[in-house]
């Protein structure tokens, strides 16, 4: 079955670049997204993502408390795990 989806040019360029970088087709990516959506793709709370990324450990250092820049630390860990997006 063929499906046509309209997206803006910026999103299309970003999708093409990401697919080229990952060696995937746009169709394969869209199929996975649709299948995940139909399967109920469980949404996780920020706390669940935090626990997954940190292993449940507090993000602190000797220099500054975790609350000071936890967003930067979490984003860096997610990029390291998932590749820079």
N, C-alpha and C. Protein backbone atom coordinates (compact mmCIF):
# COMPACT_ATOMS: atom_id res chain seq x y z
N UNK A 1 0.84 -1.17 0.00
CA UNK A 1 0.00 0.00 0.00
C UNK A 1 0.89 1.24 0.00
N UNK A 2 0.51 2.23 -0.71
CA UNK A 2 1.24 3.48 -0.77
C UNK A 2 0.51 4.53 0.05
N UNK A 3 1.27 5.31 0.80
CA UNK A 3 0.72 6.37 1.63
C UNK A 3 1.51 7.63 1.36
N UNK A 4 0.84 8.73 1.15
CA UNK A 4 1.51 10.01 0.94
C UNK A 4 1.35 10.85 2.20
N UNK A 5 2.47 11.39 2.66
CA UNK A 5 2.46 12.21 3.87
C UNK A 5 3.07 13.56 3.53
N UNK A 6 2.39 14.62 3.91
CA UNK A 6 2.91 15.97 3.67
C UNK A 6 3.62 16.46 4.92
N UNK A 7 4.88 16.86 4.74
CA UNK A 7 5.66 17.43 5.84
C UNK A 7 6.37 18.67 5.30
N UNK A 8 6.79 19.55 6.20
CA UNK A 8 7.45 20.76 5.72
C UNK A 8 8.85 20.42 5.21
N UNK A 9 9.40 21.34 4.44
CA UNK A 9 10.70 21.11 3.78
C UNK A 9 11.82 20.86 4.79
N UNK A 10 11.79 21.61 5.89
CA UNK A 10 12.84 21.43 6.90
C UNK A 10 12.82 20.02 7.46
N UNK A 11 11.63 19.52 7.78
CA UNK A 11 11.51 18.17 8.32
C UNK A 11 11.93 17.13 7.28
N UNK A 12 11.58 17.36 6.03
CA UNK A 12 11.96 16.41 4.98
C UNK A 12 13.48 16.36 4.81
N UNK A 13 14.12 17.53 4.81
CA UNK A 13 15.59 17.55 4.69
C UNK A 13 16.25 16.85 5.88
N UNK A 14 15.73 17.11 7.07
CA UNK A 14 16.29 16.47 8.27
C UNK A 14 16.08 14.96 8.21
N UNK A 15 14.91 14.52 7.78
CA UNK A 15 14.63 13.08 7.66
C UNK A 15 15.56 12.44 6.64
N UNK A 16 15.72 13.08 5.48
CA UNK A 16 16.61 12.54 4.45
C UNK A 16 18.04 12.42 4.96
N UNK A 17 18.52 13.47 5.64
CA UNK A 17 19.89 13.45 6.17
C UNK A 17 20.06 12.35 7.20
N UNK A 18 19.11 12.24 8.11
CA UNK A 18 19.19 11.21 9.15
C UNK A 18 19.15 9.82 8.54
N UNK A 19 18.29 9.60 7.57
CA UNK A 19 18.20 8.30 6.90
C UNK A 19 19.51 7.98 6.18
N UNK A 20 20.07 8.97 5.51
CA UNK A 20 21.34 8.77 4.81
C UNK A 20 22.44 8.40 5.81
N UNK A 21 22.48 9.13 6.92
CA UNK A 21 23.49 8.88 7.95
C UNK A 21 23.33 7.49 8.58
N UNK A 22 22.07 7.08 8.80
CA UNK A 22 21.80 5.79 9.44
C UNK A 22 21.70 4.63 8.46
N UNK A 23 21.74 4.93 7.15
CA UNK A 23 21.64 3.87 6.15
C UNK A 23 20.26 3.24 6.11
N UNK A 24 19.23 4.06 6.31
CA UNK A 24 17.85 3.58 6.30
C UNK A 24 17.07 4.30 5.22
N UNK A 25 15.95 3.71 4.84
CA UNK A 25 15.05 4.40 3.92
C UNK A 25 14.01 5.16 4.72
N UNK A 26 13.47 6.21 4.09
CA UNK A 26 12.41 6.97 4.74
C UNK A 26 11.21 6.05 5.00
N UNK A 27 10.92 5.18 4.06
CA UNK A 27 9.78 4.26 4.21
C UNK A 27 9.94 3.37 5.43
N UNK A 28 11.16 2.85 5.64
CA UNK A 28 11.39 1.96 6.79
C UNK A 28 11.19 2.72 8.10
N UNK A 29 11.67 3.95 8.15
CA UNK A 29 11.52 4.76 9.37
C UNK A 29 10.05 5.05 9.63
N UNK A 30 9.33 5.46 8.60
CA UNK A 30 7.90 5.77 8.76
C UNK A 30 7.11 4.53 9.16
N UNK A 31 7.44 3.38 8.56
CA UNK A 31 6.75 2.13 8.94
C UNK A 31 6.94 1.83 10.42
N UNK A 32 8.19 1.95 10.91
CA UNK A 32 8.45 1.69 12.33
C UNK A 32 7.68 2.66 13.23
N UNK A 33 7.65 3.93 12.84
CA UNK A 33 6.93 4.92 13.64
C UNK A 33 5.43 4.60 13.69
N UNK A 34 4.87 4.23 12.56
CA UNK A 34 3.44 3.89 12.53
C UNK A 34 3.17 2.64 13.35
N UNK A 35 4.01 1.62 13.19
CA UNK A 35 3.83 0.38 13.97
C UNK A 35 3.92 0.66 15.46
N UNK A 36 4.88 1.49 15.87
CA UNK A 36 5.02 1.84 17.28
C UNK A 36 3.81 2.60 17.78
N UNK A 37 3.32 3.52 16.97
CA UNK A 37 2.13 4.30 17.34
C UNK A 37 0.93 3.38 17.52
N UNK A 38 0.73 2.45 16.60
CA UNK A 38 -0.41 1.55 16.68
C UNK A 38 -0.28 0.56 17.83
N UNK A 39 0.94 0.26 18.22
CA UNK A 39 1.17 -0.67 19.33
C UNK A 39 1.02 0.04 20.68
N UNK A 40 0.77 1.33 20.64
CA UNK A 40 0.59 2.08 21.89
C UNK A 40 1.88 2.66 22.42
N UNK A 41 2.94 2.58 21.68
CA UNK A 41 4.26 3.11 22.00
C UNK A 41 4.25 3.73 23.39
N UNK A 42 4.65 2.97 24.38
CA UNK A 42 4.55 3.48 25.76
C UNK A 42 5.36 4.76 25.95
N UNK A 43 4.70 5.74 26.46
CA UNK A 43 5.38 7.00 26.78
C UNK A 43 5.91 6.89 28.20
N UNK A 44 7.14 7.32 28.36
CA UNK A 44 7.76 7.25 29.67
C UNK A 44 7.78 8.63 30.32
N UNK A 45 7.69 8.62 31.61
CA UNK A 45 7.75 9.87 32.35
C UNK A 45 9.21 10.35 32.39
N UNK A 46 9.43 11.62 32.66
CA UNK A 46 10.80 12.10 32.81
C UNK A 46 11.57 11.32 33.87
N UNK A 47 10.90 10.91 34.93
CA UNK A 47 11.57 10.13 35.98
C UNK A 47 12.03 8.77 35.45
N UNK A 48 11.21 8.15 34.60
CA UNK A 48 11.60 6.85 34.03
C UNK A 48 12.80 7.00 33.10
N UNK A 49 12.82 8.07 32.29
CA UNK A 49 13.96 8.32 31.41
C UNK A 49 15.21 8.58 32.25
N UNK A 50 15.07 9.38 33.30
CA UNK A 50 16.19 9.67 34.19
C UNK A 50 16.76 8.39 34.77
N UNK A 51 15.89 7.52 35.30
CA UNK A 51 16.35 6.26 35.88
C UNK A 51 17.04 5.38 34.85
N UNK A 52 16.52 5.37 33.62
CA UNK A 52 17.14 4.56 32.57
C UNK A 52 18.53 5.09 32.22
N UNK A 53 18.64 6.40 32.09
CA UNK A 53 19.91 7.01 31.69
C UNK A 53 20.95 6.93 32.80
N UNK A 54 20.53 7.13 34.04
CA UNK A 54 21.49 7.20 35.14
C UNK A 54 21.63 5.89 35.91
N UNK A 55 20.78 4.93 35.60
CA UNK A 55 20.79 3.70 36.37
C UNK A 55 20.25 3.93 37.77
N UNK A 56 19.48 5.00 37.94
CA UNK A 56 18.89 5.31 39.24
C UNK A 56 19.83 6.04 40.19
N UNK A 57 21.05 6.34 39.71
CA UNK A 57 22.01 7.03 40.56
C UNK A 57 21.81 8.54 40.49
N UNK A 58 22.14 9.20 41.54
CA UNK A 58 22.08 10.67 41.56
C UNK A 58 23.17 11.22 40.67
N UNK A 59 22.87 12.29 39.96
CA UNK A 59 23.86 12.94 39.11
C UNK A 59 24.48 14.09 39.88
N UNK A 60 25.55 13.82 40.56
CA UNK A 60 26.22 14.89 41.29
C UNK A 60 27.72 14.71 41.16
N UNK A 61 28.41 15.77 41.39
CA UNK A 61 29.86 15.73 41.37
C UNK A 61 30.36 16.47 42.59
N UNK A 62 31.66 16.43 42.80
CA UNK A 62 32.23 17.14 43.93
C UNK A 62 32.14 18.65 43.71
N UNK A 63 32.03 19.08 42.46
CA UNK A 63 32.08 20.50 42.14
C UNK A 63 30.73 21.19 42.24
N UNK A 64 29.63 20.51 41.85
CA UNK A 64 28.34 21.17 41.85
C UNK A 64 27.23 20.16 42.06
N UNK A 65 26.13 20.57 42.65
CA UNK A 65 25.03 19.65 42.87
C UNK A 65 24.36 19.25 41.56
N UNK A 66 23.74 18.07 41.56
CA UNK A 66 23.09 17.55 40.36
C UNK A 66 22.00 18.48 39.87
N UNK A 67 21.28 19.12 40.77
CA UNK A 67 20.17 19.96 40.35
C UNK A 67 20.62 21.17 39.55
N UNK A 68 21.87 21.51 39.67
CA UNK A 68 22.35 22.73 39.02
C UNK A 68 22.31 22.64 37.50
N UNK A 69 22.75 21.50 36.94
CA UNK A 69 22.72 21.39 35.48
C UNK A 69 22.32 19.98 35.04
N UNK A 70 21.32 19.43 35.69
CA UNK A 70 20.89 18.07 35.37
C UNK A 70 20.42 17.93 33.93
N UNK A 71 19.83 18.97 33.37
CA UNK A 71 19.35 18.91 31.99
C UNK A 71 20.51 18.65 31.03
N UNK A 72 21.62 19.36 31.21
CA UNK A 72 22.79 19.19 30.35
C UNK A 72 23.34 17.77 30.49
N UNK A 73 23.42 17.26 31.70
CA UNK A 73 23.96 15.93 31.94
C UNK A 73 23.06 14.87 31.31
N UNK A 74 21.76 14.99 31.50
CA UNK A 74 20.82 14.02 30.93
C UNK A 74 20.91 14.03 29.41
N UNK A 75 20.91 15.23 28.80
CA UNK A 75 21.00 15.32 27.35
C UNK A 75 22.29 14.70 26.83
N UNK A 76 23.39 14.94 27.51
CA UNK A 76 24.67 14.35 27.08
C UNK A 76 24.63 12.83 27.16
N UNK A 77 24.05 12.30 28.21
CA UNK A 77 23.95 10.84 28.34
C UNK A 77 23.03 10.25 27.28
N UNK A 78 21.92 10.92 26.98
CA UNK A 78 21.02 10.44 25.94
C UNK A 78 21.70 10.48 24.57
N UNK A 79 22.44 11.57 24.30
CA UNK A 79 23.17 11.65 23.01
C UNK A 79 24.21 10.54 22.91
N UNK A 80 24.90 10.27 24.00
CA UNK A 80 25.92 9.21 23.98
C UNK A 80 25.27 7.86 23.73
N UNK A 81 24.09 7.63 24.31
CA UNK A 81 23.42 6.36 24.14
C UNK A 81 22.76 6.22 22.78
N UNK A 82 22.13 7.28 22.29
CA UNK A 82 21.33 7.20 21.07
C UNK A 82 22.02 7.80 19.85
N UNK A 83 23.17 8.37 20.01
CA UNK A 83 23.82 9.07 18.91
C UNK A 83 23.35 10.51 18.90
N UNK A 84 24.21 11.40 18.43
CA UNK A 84 23.88 12.82 18.43
C UNK A 84 22.74 13.08 17.46
N UNK A 85 21.67 13.71 17.95
CA UNK A 85 20.50 13.98 17.12
C UNK A 85 20.30 15.44 16.97
